[in-house]
Protein backbone atom coordinates (compact mmCIF):
# COMPACT_ATOMS: atom_id res chain seq x y z
CA MET A 1 34.65 -42.46 155.00
CA THR A 2 37.12 -39.60 154.92
CA GLY A 3 35.99 -36.66 152.80
CA PRO A 4 38.09 -34.58 150.38
CA ALA A 5 38.43 -31.72 152.87
CA SER A 6 40.16 -34.00 155.40
CA HIS A 7 42.51 -35.39 152.75
CA VAL A 8 43.37 -31.90 151.54
CA TRP A 9 44.04 -30.69 155.08
CA ARG A 10 46.39 -33.59 155.81
CA LEU A 11 48.24 -33.13 152.52
CA LEU A 12 48.66 -29.43 153.13
CA CYS A 13 50.02 -30.09 156.62
CA TRP A 14 52.45 -32.70 155.27
CA GLY A 15 53.53 -30.43 152.41
CA ARG A 16 54.15 -27.59 154.83
CA THR A 17 56.23 -29.87 157.05
CA LEU A 18 58.30 -31.03 154.08
CA ALA A 19 58.81 -27.41 153.03
CA ARG A 20 60.04 -26.37 156.51
CA HIS A 21 62.68 -29.12 156.31
CA GLY A 22 63.75 -28.16 152.79
CA ALA A 23 62.50 -31.50 151.49
CA LEU A 24 60.40 -30.12 148.62
CA ARG A 25 63.35 -28.54 146.86
CA GLY A 26 64.41 -31.64 144.94
CA ILE A 27 60.84 -32.50 143.90
CA GLU A 28 60.28 -28.97 142.70
CA ARG A 29 63.43 -29.03 140.57
CA ASP A 30 62.75 -32.47 139.09
CA GLY A 31 61.94 -32.04 135.41
CA ASN A 32 59.49 -34.95 135.59
CA THR A 33 57.33 -33.35 138.29
CA PRO A 34 54.05 -32.19 136.71
CA VAL A 35 54.03 -28.46 136.02
CA GLN A 36 50.87 -27.98 138.08
CA VAL A 37 52.47 -29.62 141.11
CA ARG A 38 55.76 -27.77 140.69
CA ARG A 39 54.03 -24.39 140.69
CA LEU A 40 51.99 -25.15 143.74
CA LEU A 41 55.00 -26.51 145.64
CA ARG A 42 56.44 -23.04 145.39
CA LEU A 43 53.34 -21.78 147.16
CA ALA A 44 53.66 -24.48 149.83
CA ARG A 45 57.10 -23.25 150.86
CA LEU A 46 56.29 -19.52 150.84
CA GLY A 47 57.22 -17.95 154.16
CA THR A 48 59.08 -21.02 155.45
CA PHE A 49 62.65 -20.93 156.71
CA GLN A 50 64.48 -23.75 154.94
CA PRO A 51 67.79 -25.20 156.13
CA GLN A 52 70.72 -25.07 153.76
CA GLU A 53 70.83 -28.86 153.72
CA PRO A 54 67.45 -30.61 153.38
CA ASP A 55 66.50 -32.74 156.40
CA TYR A 56 64.44 -35.49 154.79
CA ALA A 57 64.54 -37.75 157.85
CA GLY A 58 63.29 -34.97 160.11
CA ALA A 59 60.44 -34.20 157.72
CA PHE A 60 59.25 -37.81 157.40
CA GLN A 61 59.58 -38.37 161.13
CA ALA A 62 57.56 -35.24 161.89
CA ILE A 63 54.77 -36.35 159.54
CA GLY A 64 54.28 -39.71 161.25
CA PRO A 65 54.65 -43.52 161.11
CA ALA A 66 53.26 -44.11 157.60
CA ALA A 67 55.56 -41.43 156.19
CA ILE A 68 58.46 -43.00 158.08
CA LYS A 69 57.83 -46.31 156.29
CA LEU A 70 57.92 -44.47 152.96
CA GLY A 71 61.12 -42.78 154.06
CA GLN A 72 62.67 -46.13 154.95
CA THR A 73 61.94 -47.32 151.44
CA LEU A 74 63.35 -44.15 149.91
CA ALA A 75 66.51 -44.62 151.97
CA THR A 76 67.29 -47.66 149.83
CA ARG A 77 66.77 -45.75 146.59
CA PRO A 78 69.70 -43.32 146.14
CA ASP A 79 69.00 -43.63 142.42
CA LEU A 80 65.76 -41.73 142.94
CA VAL A 81 66.47 -39.36 145.83
CA GLY A 82 70.24 -38.92 145.54
CA GLU A 83 73.07 -40.12 147.76
CA GLY A 84 72.74 -37.25 150.23
CA ALA A 85 69.02 -37.75 150.78
CA ALA A 86 69.44 -41.53 151.08
CA ARG A 87 72.12 -41.13 153.74
CA ASN A 88 69.92 -38.66 155.62
CA LEU A 89 66.91 -41.00 155.49
CA LEU A 90 68.89 -43.91 156.95
CA SER A 91 68.43 -42.35 160.39
CA LEU A 92 64.75 -43.32 160.18
CA GLN A 93 65.58 -47.02 160.47
CA ASP A 94 65.86 -47.35 164.26
CA SER A 95 65.54 -43.92 165.81
CA LEU A 96 62.00 -43.34 167.09
CA PRO A 97 61.31 -42.49 170.75
CA PRO A 98 60.01 -45.60 172.54
CA VAL A 99 56.50 -46.03 173.88
CA PRO A 100 56.46 -46.09 177.73
CA PHE A 101 56.72 -49.65 179.00
CA GLU A 102 53.42 -49.44 180.90
CA ALA A 103 51.62 -48.96 177.59
CA ILE A 104 53.54 -51.93 176.14
CA ARG A 105 52.68 -54.08 179.16
CA ALA A 106 49.00 -53.17 178.78
CA GLU A 107 49.11 -54.03 175.07
CA ILE A 108 50.62 -57.47 175.78
CA GLU A 109 48.15 -58.27 178.54
CA ARG A 110 45.17 -57.05 176.53
CA SER A 111 46.14 -59.06 173.46
CA PHE A 112 46.64 -62.30 175.43
CA ALA A 113 43.86 -61.60 177.97
CA GLN A 114 46.13 -62.61 180.84
CA PRO A 115 48.80 -61.10 183.11
CA ILE A 116 52.25 -60.67 181.60
CA ASP A 117 53.74 -62.77 184.43
CA ASN A 118 51.92 -65.81 183.02
CA LEU A 119 53.94 -65.43 179.81
CA PHE A 120 57.40 -64.21 180.83
CA ALA A 121 59.59 -64.70 183.88
CA SER A 122 61.08 -61.29 183.17
CA ILE A 123 60.97 -58.61 180.50
CA ASP A 124 63.36 -55.68 180.20
CA PRO A 125 61.37 -52.42 180.31
CA VAL A 126 64.03 -50.68 178.20
CA PRO A 127 63.49 -51.60 174.53
CA VAL A 128 66.36 -52.81 172.37
CA GLY A 129 64.77 -51.19 169.32
CA ALA A 130 61.94 -48.76 168.62
CA ALA A 131 60.68 -48.41 165.06
CA SER A 132 57.72 -46.75 163.41
CA ILE A 133 55.37 -49.72 163.80
CA ALA A 134 56.61 -51.67 166.80
CA GLN A 135 59.27 -51.87 169.47
CA VAL A 136 61.24 -54.84 170.76
CA HIS A 137 62.04 -55.91 174.33
CA ARG A 138 64.35 -58.64 175.58
CA ALA A 139 62.61 -61.18 177.79
CA VAL A 140 62.99 -64.58 179.43
CA THR A 141 60.15 -67.09 179.18
CA ASN A 142 58.87 -69.05 182.16
CA ASP A 143 60.78 -72.08 180.88
CA GLY A 144 64.08 -70.15 180.79
CA ARG A 145 64.50 -69.26 177.08
CA THR A 146 65.77 -65.81 176.11
CA VAL A 147 63.53 -64.23 173.48
CA ALA A 148 62.82 -60.99 171.68
CA VAL A 149 59.27 -59.68 172.14
CA LYS A 150 58.00 -57.38 169.38
CA VAL A 151 54.90 -55.34 170.25
CA LEU A 152 52.85 -53.06 167.99
CA ARG A 153 52.66 -49.44 169.07
CA PRO A 154 49.20 -48.77 170.57
CA GLY A 155 46.82 -47.25 168.01
CA ILE A 156 49.22 -47.75 165.11
CA ARG A 157 46.80 -49.72 162.93
CA GLU A 158 44.19 -46.97 163.03
CA ARG A 159 46.73 -44.25 162.26
CA PHE A 160 48.13 -46.15 159.30
CA ALA A 161 44.64 -46.74 157.90
CA ARG A 162 43.89 -43.02 158.07
CA ASP A 163 47.15 -41.90 156.44
CA ILE A 164 47.10 -44.53 153.70
CA ALA A 165 43.57 -43.49 152.76
CA THR A 166 44.96 -40.02 152.07
CA TYR A 167 47.89 -41.48 150.11
CA GLU A 168 45.37 -43.32 147.92
CA TRP A 169 43.32 -40.20 147.38
CA ALA A 170 46.36 -38.07 146.48
CA ALA A 171 47.82 -40.77 144.21
CA ALA A 172 44.57 -40.99 142.25
CA HIS A 173 44.65 -37.25 141.59
CA LEU A 174 48.35 -37.29 140.78
CA GLU A 175 47.97 -40.14 138.29
CA ALA A 176 45.06 -38.39 136.63
CA LEU A 177 47.45 -35.61 135.58
CA GLY A 178 49.01 -38.08 133.10
CA GLY A 179 52.51 -37.80 131.67
CA GLU A 180 55.31 -39.17 133.84
CA ALA A 181 52.88 -39.54 136.76
CA GLY A 182 50.72 -41.84 134.65
CA ARG A 183 53.70 -43.93 133.50
CA LEU A 184 54.90 -44.42 137.09
CA ARG A 185 51.42 -45.58 138.19
CA PRO A 186 51.38 -44.10 141.71
CA ARG A 187 48.04 -45.75 142.52
CA LEU A 188 49.54 -49.22 142.12
CA THR A 189 52.59 -48.14 144.11
CA ILE A 190 50.39 -47.03 146.99
CA ALA A 191 48.30 -50.22 146.66
CA ASN A 192 51.45 -52.32 147.09
CA PHE A 193 52.64 -50.11 149.93
CA LYS A 194 49.27 -50.65 151.65
CA ARG A 195 49.53 -54.40 151.19
CA TRP A 196 53.07 -54.50 152.62
CA THR A 197 52.24 -52.35 155.63
CA ASN A 198 49.02 -54.26 156.38
CA SER A 199 51.14 -57.40 156.44
CA GLU A 200 53.59 -55.74 158.85
CA LEU A 201 50.71 -54.71 161.11
CA ASP A 202 49.68 -58.36 161.63
CA LEU A 203 52.53 -59.98 163.56
CA ARG A 204 51.09 -63.46 163.01
CA ARG A 205 51.88 -63.04 159.32
CA GLU A 206 55.41 -61.97 160.15
CA ALA A 207 55.80 -65.08 162.29
CA ALA A 208 54.49 -67.25 159.44
CA SER A 209 56.90 -65.58 157.00
CA ALA A 210 59.86 -66.23 159.30
CA SER A 211 58.82 -69.86 159.65
CA GLU A 212 58.43 -70.30 155.88
CA LEU A 213 61.79 -68.66 155.13
CA ALA A 214 63.53 -70.81 157.76
CA GLU A 215 62.14 -73.91 156.09
CA ALA A 216 63.23 -72.72 152.62
CA MET A 217 66.78 -71.88 153.76
CA LYS A 218 67.45 -75.06 155.75
CA GLY A 219 69.99 -76.29 153.22
CA TYR A 220 71.90 -72.99 152.98
CA PRO A 221 74.93 -73.04 155.30
CA LEU A 222 75.65 -70.27 157.80
CA TYR A 223 72.35 -68.42 157.37
CA ARG A 224 69.86 -68.46 160.24
CA VAL A 225 66.25 -67.47 160.81
CA PRO A 226 65.35 -67.52 164.55
CA ASP A 227 62.65 -69.88 165.81
CA ILE A 228 59.13 -68.57 166.53
CA ASP A 229 57.51 -68.99 169.97
CA TRP A 230 53.97 -69.60 168.70
CA ASP A 231 52.47 -69.83 172.21
CA ARG A 232 53.49 -66.22 172.86
CA THR A 233 52.62 -64.80 169.44
CA ASN A 234 49.41 -63.19 168.18
CA GLY A 235 48.42 -60.35 165.86
CA ARG A 236 49.90 -57.66 168.09
CA VAL A 237 52.78 -59.51 169.79
CA LEU A 238 55.55 -61.59 168.21
CA THR A 239 57.94 -63.66 170.31
CA ILE A 240 61.05 -65.00 168.59
CA ALA A 241 64.33 -66.57 169.72
CA TRP A 242 66.95 -64.04 170.79
CA VAL A 243 69.90 -63.51 168.42
CA ASP A 244 73.35 -62.87 169.86
CA GLY A 245 75.72 -61.39 167.33
CA ILE A 246 77.41 -58.33 165.87
CA LYS A 247 75.44 -55.98 163.63
CA ILE A 248 76.63 -56.49 160.09
CA SER A 249 77.20 -52.73 159.81
CA ASP A 250 79.74 -52.72 162.69
CA LEU A 251 82.80 -53.35 160.55
CA ALA A 252 85.31 -52.65 163.36
CA ALA A 253 83.68 -55.21 165.66
CA LEU A 254 83.51 -57.77 162.85
CA ARG A 255 87.23 -57.35 162.13
CA ALA A 256 88.09 -57.53 165.84
CA ALA A 257 86.15 -60.80 166.08
CA GLY A 258 88.20 -62.22 163.20
CA HIS A 259 85.40 -62.48 160.63
CA ASP A 260 86.17 -62.68 156.90
CA LEU A 261 84.40 -59.57 155.59
CA PRO A 262 84.71 -60.37 151.85
CA GLY A 263 83.42 -63.85 152.59
CA LEU A 264 80.44 -62.40 154.47
CA ALA A 265 79.71 -60.08 151.53
CA SER A 266 79.67 -62.95 149.03
CA ARG A 267 77.56 -65.14 151.31
CA LEU A 268 75.00 -62.39 151.79
CA VAL A 269 74.64 -61.88 148.03
CA LEU A 270 74.26 -65.61 147.43
CA ALA A 271 71.75 -65.94 150.29
CA PHE A 272 69.58 -63.29 148.65
CA LEU A 273 69.86 -64.96 145.23
CA THR A 274 68.97 -68.32 146.78
CA GLN A 275 65.83 -66.82 148.32
CA ALA A 276 64.73 -64.76 145.32
CA ILE A 277 65.65 -66.98 142.37
CA ASP A 278 65.53 -70.47 143.83
CA GLY A 279 62.60 -70.05 146.21
CA GLY A 280 60.79 -66.98 144.94
CA PHE A 281 60.26 -65.90 148.59
CA PHE A 282 62.75 -63.46 150.05
CA HIS A 283 63.44 -61.26 153.07
CA ALA A 284 62.71 -57.81 151.64
CA ASP A 285 63.94 -55.68 154.55
CA MET A 286 67.61 -56.63 154.59
CA HIS A 287 68.99 -53.36 155.92
CA GLN A 288 71.98 -53.23 158.27
CA GLY A 289 69.88 -53.20 161.44
CA ASN A 290 68.20 -56.50 160.56
CA LEU A 291 71.32 -58.59 159.95
CA PHE A 292 73.73 -59.94 162.57
CA VAL A 293 76.89 -62.04 162.39
CA GLN A 294 77.23 -64.76 165.01
CA ALA A 295 80.47 -66.08 166.48
CA ASP A 296 80.78 -68.91 163.93
CA GLY A 297 80.19 -66.54 160.98
CA THR A 298 76.49 -67.35 160.58
CA ILE A 299 74.44 -64.46 159.20
CA ALA A 300 71.27 -64.21 161.30
CA ALA A 301 68.31 -62.25 159.96
CA ILE A 302 65.50 -60.65 161.94
CA ASP A 303 62.35 -58.60 161.19
CA PHE A 304 60.30 -60.44 158.57
CA GLY A 305 57.42 -57.99 158.30
CA ILE A 306 58.20 -57.26 154.64
CA MET A 307 58.63 -60.30 152.41
CA GLY A 308 58.66 -60.54 148.62
CA ARG A 309 57.37 -63.18 146.22
CA ILE A 310 57.93 -63.70 142.51
CA ASP A 311 56.48 -66.58 140.50
CA ARG A 312 58.55 -69.18 138.68
CA ARG A 313 58.29 -67.56 135.25
CA ALA A 314 59.39 -64.20 136.61
CA ARG A 315 62.30 -65.92 138.39
CA GLN A 316 63.37 -67.47 135.11
CA TRP A 317 63.29 -64.05 133.48
CA LEU A 318 65.24 -62.56 136.37
CA ALA A 319 67.92 -65.25 136.19
CA GLU A 320 68.28 -64.85 132.43
CA ILE A 321 68.48 -61.06 132.75
CA LEU A 322 71.22 -61.30 135.38
CA TYR A 323 73.10 -63.90 133.37
CA GLY A 324 72.70 -61.93 130.17
CA LEU A 325 74.15 -58.84 131.81
CA THR A 326 77.08 -60.78 133.28
CA THR A 327 77.92 -62.33 129.91
CA GLY A 328 77.10 -59.34 127.74
CA ASN A 329 74.19 -61.07 125.98
CA TYR A 330 72.15 -57.89 125.69
CA ARG A 331 70.04 -59.28 122.87
CA ARG A 332 68.63 -61.98 125.17
CA VAL A 333 68.06 -59.46 127.96
CA ALA A 334 66.12 -57.31 125.50
CA GLU A 335 64.06 -60.29 124.31
CA ILE A 336 63.07 -61.08 127.89
CA HIS A 337 61.82 -57.54 128.44
CA PHE A 338 59.63 -57.91 125.36
CA GLU A 339 58.43 -61.40 126.36
CA ALA A 340 57.45 -60.05 129.77
CA GLN A 341 55.72 -57.13 128.05
CA TYR A 342 57.72 -54.65 130.10
CA VAL A 343 58.51 -52.89 126.80
CA PRO A 344 55.64 -52.22 124.36
CA SER A 345 55.85 -54.39 121.24
CA TYR A 346 55.95 -51.44 118.83
CA HIS A 347 59.57 -50.78 119.86
CA SER A 348 62.57 -52.52 118.30
CA ILE A 349 64.25 -55.34 120.20
CA ASP A 350 67.56 -54.55 118.51
CA GLU A 351 67.39 -50.89 119.49
CA PHE A 352 66.55 -51.82 123.07
CA ALA A 353 69.48 -54.27 123.14
CA THR A 354 71.81 -51.51 121.98
CA ALA A 355 70.48 -49.19 124.68
CA LEU A 356 71.12 -51.88 127.29
CA ARG A 357 74.65 -52.36 125.98
CA ALA A 358 75.35 -48.65 126.41
CA VAL A 359 74.48 -48.97 130.10
CA GLY A 360 75.80 -52.46 130.80
CA GLU A 361 79.21 -52.51 129.11
CA PRO A 362 80.83 -49.88 131.37
CA MET A 363 79.84 -51.99 134.43
CA ARG A 364 81.14 -55.36 133.39
CA GLY A 365 84.27 -56.65 135.06
CA LYS A 366 84.72 -53.68 137.37
CA PRO A 367 84.47 -53.43 141.15
CA VAL A 368 81.74 -51.20 142.50
CA SER A 369 84.31 -48.64 143.61
CA GLU A 370 85.17 -47.89 139.97
CA LEU A 371 81.61 -47.52 138.74
CA SER A 372 79.80 -44.21 138.32
CA VAL A 373 76.45 -45.16 139.82
CA GLY A 374 74.95 -41.81 138.87
CA GLN A 375 75.83 -42.20 135.20
CA MET A 376 74.57 -45.78 135.15
CA LEU A 377 71.22 -44.83 136.69
CA ASP A 378 70.84 -41.83 134.40
CA GLY A 379 71.23 -44.23 131.49
CA LEU A 380 68.66 -46.66 132.88
CA PHE A 381 66.11 -43.92 133.47
CA ALA A 382 66.62 -42.66 129.94
CA ILE A 383 65.88 -46.17 128.65
CA THR A 384 62.65 -46.47 130.64
CA ARG A 385 61.40 -43.18 129.25
CA ASP A 386 62.65 -43.66 125.68
CA PHE A 387 61.02 -47.08 125.42
CA ASP A 388 57.74 -46.20 127.19
CA MET A 389 58.31 -48.74 129.96
CA GLN A 390 55.61 -48.49 132.61
CA THR A 391 56.62 -48.99 136.20
CA GLN A 392 56.16 -52.55 137.50
CA PRO A 393 55.16 -52.21 141.18
CA HIS A 394 55.08 -55.99 141.66
CA LEU A 395 58.87 -55.96 141.23
CA LEU A 396 59.50 -53.02 143.56
CA LEU A 397 60.40 -55.16 146.58
CA LEU A 398 62.85 -57.16 144.52
CA GLN A 399 64.57 -54.05 143.21
CA LYS A 400 64.60 -52.42 146.63
CA THR A 401 66.15 -55.52 148.24
CA MET A 402 68.77 -55.86 145.51
CA VAL A 403 69.86 -52.27 146.20
CA MET A 404 70.00 -53.01 149.93
CA VAL A 405 72.06 -56.17 149.51
CA GLU A 406 74.49 -54.51 147.13
CA GLY A 407 74.95 -51.61 149.55
CA ILE A 408 75.75 -53.87 152.51
CA ALA A 409 78.02 -56.11 150.44
CA THR A 410 79.93 -53.07 149.21
CA GLN A 411 80.45 -51.85 152.77
CA LEU A 412 81.82 -55.26 153.76
CA ASP A 413 84.02 -55.51 150.66
CA PRO A 414 84.48 -52.30 148.62
CA GLN A 415 86.21 -54.34 145.89
CA ILE A 416 83.42 -56.88 145.47
CA ASN A 417 82.45 -57.60 141.88
CA MET A 418 78.73 -58.33 141.97
CA TRP A 419 78.79 -59.97 138.54
CA ASP A 420 81.59 -62.38 139.49
CA VAL A 421 79.78 -63.38 142.70
CA SER A 422 76.39 -63.82 141.02
CA ALA A 423 77.38 -65.44 137.73
CA PRO A 424 78.28 -69.00 138.95
CA TYR A 425 75.07 -69.30 140.96
CA VAL A 426 72.87 -67.94 138.17
CA ARG A 427 74.61 -70.09 135.56
CA ALA A 428 74.04 -73.24 137.64
CA TRP A 429 70.40 -72.34 138.28
CA ILE A 430 69.74 -71.72 134.60
CA ARG A 431 71.38 -75.04 133.72
CA ASP A 432 69.22 -76.92 136.25
CA GLU A 433 65.96 -75.06 135.65
CA LEU A 434 66.17 -74.13 131.96
CA GLY A 435 68.40 -76.85 130.56
CA PRO A 436 67.20 -79.68 128.25
CA GLU A 437 66.15 -82.02 131.06
CA ALA A 438 64.19 -79.32 132.89
CA ALA A 439 62.59 -78.15 129.65
CA LEU A 440 61.52 -81.72 128.81
CA ALA A 441 60.09 -82.25 132.29
CA ASP A 442 58.14 -79.00 132.07
CA LYS A 443 56.82 -79.94 128.65
CA LEU A 444 55.67 -83.37 129.80
CA ARG A 445 53.94 -81.88 132.83
CA GLU A 446 52.19 -79.19 130.77
CA THR A 447 51.10 -81.74 128.16
CA ALA A 448 49.66 -84.09 130.77
CA GLN A 449 47.73 -81.25 132.39
CA THR A 450 46.38 -80.09 129.04
CA LEU A 451 45.17 -83.58 128.12
CA LEU A 452 43.11 -83.69 131.30
CA ARG A 453 41.07 -80.70 130.13
CA LEU A 454 38.28 -80.73 127.65
CA PRO A 455 39.69 -79.32 124.37
CA ALA A 456 36.63 -77.18 123.69
CA LEU A 457 36.78 -75.61 127.16
CA VAL A 458 40.48 -74.91 126.77
CA GLN A 459 39.86 -73.24 123.41
CA ARG A 460 37.11 -71.02 124.78
CA LEU A 461 39.21 -69.98 127.75
CA GLU A 462 42.22 -69.22 125.60
CA ASP A 463 40.08 -67.16 123.20
CA LYS A 464 38.63 -65.13 126.06
CA PHE A 465 41.78 -64.80 128.15
CA PRO A 466 44.89 -64.46 125.97
CA ALA A 467 48.32 -65.13 127.45
CA ARG A 468 49.56 -62.33 129.67
CA GLY A 469 53.02 -60.86 129.95
CA GLY A 470 55.34 -60.78 132.95
CA ALA A 471 53.31 -58.38 135.08
CA PRO A 472 50.64 -60.03 137.22
CA GLU A 473 47.08 -58.80 137.12
CA ALA A 474 46.83 -55.50 138.95
CA PRO A 475 45.04 -55.67 142.31
CA PRO A 476 41.62 -54.01 142.51
CA LEU A 477 42.07 -50.32 143.26
CA PRO A 478 39.61 -48.36 145.42
CA GLU A 479 37.10 -46.16 143.64
CA ILE A 480 38.19 -42.61 144.39
CA PRO A 481 36.08 -39.79 142.94
CA LEU A 482 38.28 -37.02 141.53
CA VAL A 483 37.52 -33.58 142.87
CA TRP A 484 37.39 -32.07 139.38
CA ASP A 485 34.60 -34.50 138.53
CA ARG A 486 32.49 -33.05 141.31
CA ARG A 487 29.81 -30.71 140.02
CA ARG A 488 29.38 -28.70 143.19
CA SER A 489 30.70 -25.15 143.15
CA GLY A 490 34.10 -24.72 144.74
CA ALA A 491 35.48 -27.99 143.44
CA TRP A 492 38.46 -26.28 141.86
CA GLY A 493 39.49 -25.03 145.28
CA TYR A 494 39.91 -28.69 146.22
CA VAL A 495 41.94 -29.23 143.06
CA LEU A 496 44.45 -26.50 143.86
CA ALA A 497 44.85 -27.60 147.46
CA ALA A 498 45.10 -31.28 146.53
CA LEU A 499 47.84 -30.64 144.00
CA ALA A 500 49.82 -28.55 146.46
CA GLY A 501 49.68 -31.33 149.01
CA GLY A 502 49.99 -34.03 146.35
CA GLY A 503 53.57 -32.97 145.80
CA ALA A 504 54.27 -34.27 149.29
CA ILE A 505 53.89 -37.85 148.07
CA TRP A 506 55.41 -37.39 144.60
CA ALA A 507 58.50 -39.18 145.94
CA ALA A 508 56.35 -42.18 146.87
CA ALA A 509 54.90 -42.26 143.38
CA THR A 510 58.36 -42.52 141.84
CA LEU A 511 59.20 -45.79 143.63
CA GLY A 512 58.14 -48.08 140.76
CA TRP A 513 60.22 -50.62 138.84
CA VAL A 514 62.34 -49.01 136.16
CA GLY A 515 63.11 -52.07 134.10
């Protein structure tokens, strides 16, 4: 078990690296950063030469793979880090130096316990992509199929485990400071981050996710999930059908090929809504490098290491929130937030509805190009603070993916109106799922299930476990002793060092759902 001294040393090294790249400046100036952290960040950057423009991507890349994954997430959150930082962080998506092919060959052969020639007729030693967790090679199977072979970087699981342990330790100390850090719940954020990355580090789970999504999207036209080669897939190696197409970010090539860019934008938005609202299981890493357009206009998705799930009740709330915003029914949107217990009950629904109106009305009926995203997000953040809304980490992937999809759709069609595209789908889903027939069917099913239970048992259970709100039960968090609870002399030295380094992951702590 890693001791406090090791955690402190890592955090100090990371903080120093961030300082050398000018990446602490924004955190230090953020009014919500705890005073203790802000003061010690100034110490962390003493004596460092900082570039005029912060290099966030360089800082996260220098720190290592786990930090790179955090940076990739932050790249989709210009609302939190600013447009300049988000653009800078985008270079983290596909820009790591590759592992030498001999190490990759050894990893494949070790994981399958057989020579690579038994699996593939040929494999290109030059990777087509190298990311923080794995790299991908083009190959041909012994039966002549062209495939993509994704292989974990050697030693990556152990390195992630070490770094995430320090994230957990720092988040526990940061949250214990209270205030904004307590409201944002950094420990739950890191817990979710750990769960997502552990899923990415088991390529069998990625294969299963791709298979499940392909099954769910069978009826959606012109959207493809490649087939899995299960015989050549295990925990460290994933083999999937090769996708030929144009990257969705290559607008010039898409135009030259004659593709309808506004049509692609609308189809991408609707594909995401179909996954999230209809199925409750969605591709949560829909950045430009993971989406291709094939010759017939089919959007092909790859890289299913990060997937999101939301239960049926949360999907109903989501659909009603989207529909309420598109129609201006802010009262209903406010009611949903109270039903889900995202807003504490001591606040006024009417006042919250008015606050939502102040943010929502300027957006309605306008293309994205005419919206002031900064002003809109400032208004949303003010609402979360004014109404004591705690962050909802279980919705982070959904929010992150919505930002991604909107960004890509806007690149394809700068005049797209997200409300106009979403409203018909959401309206139809609400009619089918929340209309009179659906409500009656739900009621009959619930009644039948209740009658099968013993009334006394039901009563006792309901007395002991009252109905919860929209947030699922928090996962168990590791027991982390706080250094200021230690009674040995010198504990406060740990405190000062931990807070100085803790500022290095303050950005990660601010990734929670903002309502």
